[in-house]
N, C-alpha and C. Protein backbone atom coordinates (compact mmCIF):
# COMPACT_ATOMS: atom_id res chain seq x y z
N MET A 1 25.57 73.80 -143.24
CA MET A 1 24.79 73.00 -142.59
C MET A 1 23.67 71.75 -142.93
N ASP A 2 23.56 71.09 -142.82
CA ASP A 2 22.63 70.17 -143.14
C ASP A 2 21.36 69.76 -143.05
N ILE A 3 21.19 69.73 -144.25
CA ILE A 3 19.66 69.18 -144.62
C ILE A 3 18.85 69.32 -143.42
N SER A 4 19.06 68.09 -142.79
CA SER A 4 18.43 67.86 -141.14
C SER A 4 18.52 68.82 -139.46
N ARG A 5 19.35 69.58 -140.45
CA ARG A 5 19.31 71.31 -139.52
C ARG A 5 17.99 71.74 -140.07
N LYS A 6 18.22 72.20 -141.93
CA LYS A 6 17.55 73.12 -142.12
C LYS A 6 16.13 72.48 -141.72
N LEU A 7 16.09 72.01 -142.18
CA LEU A 7 14.27 70.49 -141.57
C LEU A 7 13.70 71.44 -140.73
N GLY A 8 14.09 70.89 -139.87
CA GLY A 8 13.75 71.66 -138.51
C GLY A 8 14.42 72.58 -137.46
N ILE A 9 14.95 73.98 -138.75
CA ILE A 9 14.13 75.36 -138.59
C ILE A 9 13.08 75.23 -139.34
N LEU A 10 12.98 75.38 -140.21
CA LEU A 10 11.42 75.37 -140.27
C LEU A 10 10.65 74.11 -140.59
N VAL A 11 9.87 73.07 -139.28
CA VAL A 11 9.10 73.08 -138.73
C VAL A 11 9.11 74.14 -137.69
N PHE A 12 10.18 74.25 -137.24
CA PHE A 12 10.26 75.16 -135.74
C PHE A 12 9.96 76.26 -136.03
N CYS A 13 9.72 76.97 -137.47
CA CYS A 13 8.62 78.22 -136.96
C CYS A 13 7.37 78.43 -138.40
N GLY A 14 7.49 76.75 -138.56
CA GLY A 14 5.93 75.60 -138.80
C GLY A 14 4.59 76.35 -137.24
N VAL A 15 5.18 76.54 -135.88
CA VAL A 15 4.69 76.31 -135.21
C VAL A 15 4.24 78.04 -135.29
N PRO A 16 4.82 79.36 -134.91
CA PRO A 16 4.42 79.97 -134.96
C PRO A 16 3.56 80.71 -136.45
N ALA A 17 4.17 80.11 -137.49
CA ALA A 17 3.28 79.92 -138.32
C ALA A 17 1.72 79.84 -138.41
N ILE A 18 0.98 78.59 -137.24
CA ILE A 18 -0.29 77.95 -137.74
C ILE A 18 -0.99 79.09 -136.39
N ILE A 19 -0.12 79.25 -135.72
CA ILE A 19 -0.71 79.72 -134.34
C ILE A 19 -0.53 81.53 -133.84
N GLY A 20 0.19 82.27 -134.60
CA GLY A 20 0.92 83.02 -135.10
C GLY A 20 -0.87 83.12 -136.36
N GLY A 21 -0.95 82.58 -137.36
CA GLY A 21 -1.73 83.40 -137.67
C GLY A 21 -3.23 82.91 -137.27
N GLY A 22 -3.90 82.44 -136.91
CA GLY A 22 -4.75 82.48 -136.01
C GLY A 22 -5.22 83.60 -134.69
N ILE A 23 -4.31 83.54 -134.38
CA ILE A 23 -4.71 85.59 -132.80
C ILE A 23 -4.73 86.16 -133.89
N VAL A 24 -3.15 86.30 -135.33
CA VAL A 24 -4.09 87.57 -135.61
C VAL A 24 -5.12 87.53 -136.62
N TYR A 25 -5.82 86.07 -137.25
CA TYR A 25 -7.58 86.48 -137.63
C TYR A 25 -8.09 86.89 -136.78
N GLY A 26 -8.04 86.52 -135.43
CA GLY A 26 -9.20 86.85 -133.71
C GLY A 26 -8.74 88.01 -133.81
N ILE A 27 -7.21 88.36 -133.85
CA ILE A 27 -7.57 90.19 -133.27
C ILE A 27 -8.09 91.36 -134.86
N PHE A 28 -8.01 90.49 -135.95
CA PHE A 28 -8.25 91.83 -137.26
C PHE A 28 -8.68 91.17 -137.69
N HIS A 29 -9.84 90.29 -137.79
CA HIS A 29 -11.17 89.95 -137.32
C HIS A 29 -10.94 89.58 -140.00
N SER A 30 -9.43 89.64 -139.35
CA SER A 30 -9.44 89.44 -141.45
C SER A 30 -8.17 88.87 -141.75
N TYR A 31 -7.20 88.57 -143.79
CA TYR A 31 -7.49 87.61 -144.30
C TYR A 31 -5.88 88.22 -144.14
N ILE A 32 -5.67 89.51 -144.59
CA ILE A 32 -4.53 90.55 -145.10
C ILE A 32 -3.47 90.57 -143.88
N PRO A 33 -3.48 91.10 -143.16
CA PRO A 33 -2.63 91.06 -141.63
C PRO A 33 -2.04 90.04 -141.93
N VAL A 34 -2.80 88.13 -141.30
CA VAL A 34 -3.10 87.15 -141.65
C VAL A 34 -1.41 86.88 -142.94
N ALA A 35 -2.28 87.47 -143.98
CA ALA A 35 -1.17 87.07 -145.33
C ALA A 35 0.73 87.88 -145.16
N ILE A 36 0.00 88.89 -144.46
CA ILE A 36 1.00 90.26 -144.28
C ILE A 36 2.28 89.37 -142.58
N TRP A 37 1.79 88.37 -141.52
CA TRP A 37 2.36 87.79 -140.93
C TRP A 37 3.13 86.17 -141.31
N GLU A 38 2.22 85.39 -142.30
CA GLU A 38 2.99 84.44 -142.86
C GLU A 38 3.65 84.47 -143.70
N VAL A 39 3.88 85.63 -145.06
CA VAL A 39 5.64 86.20 -145.52
C VAL A 39 6.18 87.02 -144.91
N PHE A 40 6.11 87.78 -143.26
CA PHE A 40 7.25 87.61 -142.13
C PHE A 40 7.74 86.74 -141.84
N LEU A 41 6.99 85.68 -141.46
CA LEU A 41 7.55 84.50 -141.26
C LEU A 41 8.25 83.71 -142.24
N LEU A 42 7.76 83.86 -143.58
CA LEU A 42 8.31 82.86 -144.60
C LEU A 42 9.92 83.57 -144.99
N LEU A 43 9.86 84.88 -144.74
CA LEU A 43 10.95 85.54 -145.20
C LEU A 43 12.11 85.21 -143.56
N THR A 44 11.69 85.01 -142.44
CA THR A 44 12.79 84.54 -141.65
C THR A 44 12.84 83.63 -141.45
N ALA A 45 12.33 82.53 -141.73
CA ALA A 45 12.96 81.32 -141.57
C ALA A 45 13.43 80.62 -143.01
N GLY A 46 13.28 81.92 -144.37
CA GLY A 46 14.53 81.09 -145.39
C GLY A 46 15.65 81.98 -144.50
N GLY A 47 15.55 83.74 -144.33
CA GLY A 47 16.90 83.91 -144.14
C GLY A 47 17.65 82.15 -142.64
N PHE A 48 16.72 82.23 -142.08
CA PHE A 48 17.86 80.93 -140.94
C PHE A 48 18.11 80.05 -142.02
N ALA A 49 16.69 79.31 -142.96
CA ALA A 49 17.73 77.83 -144.28
C ALA A 49 18.73 77.92 -144.65
N ALA A 50 19.23 79.50 -145.25
CA ALA A 50 19.61 79.50 -146.37
C ALA A 50 21.58 80.15 -145.85
N LYS A 51 21.45 80.40 -144.33
CA LYS A 51 22.28 80.49 -143.35
C LYS A 51 23.89 78.90 -143.97
């Protein structure tokens, strides 16, 4: 997989991080669930980019 495809995957996963982080904060009103959400997305994006 070339570098442009890896960067595209990371950008594609960045949108749920921003939007999803706001939704998670709106539901729980705490930054701890947001941090868990961000770590989950980071691991998922890293898994896709590592292929």
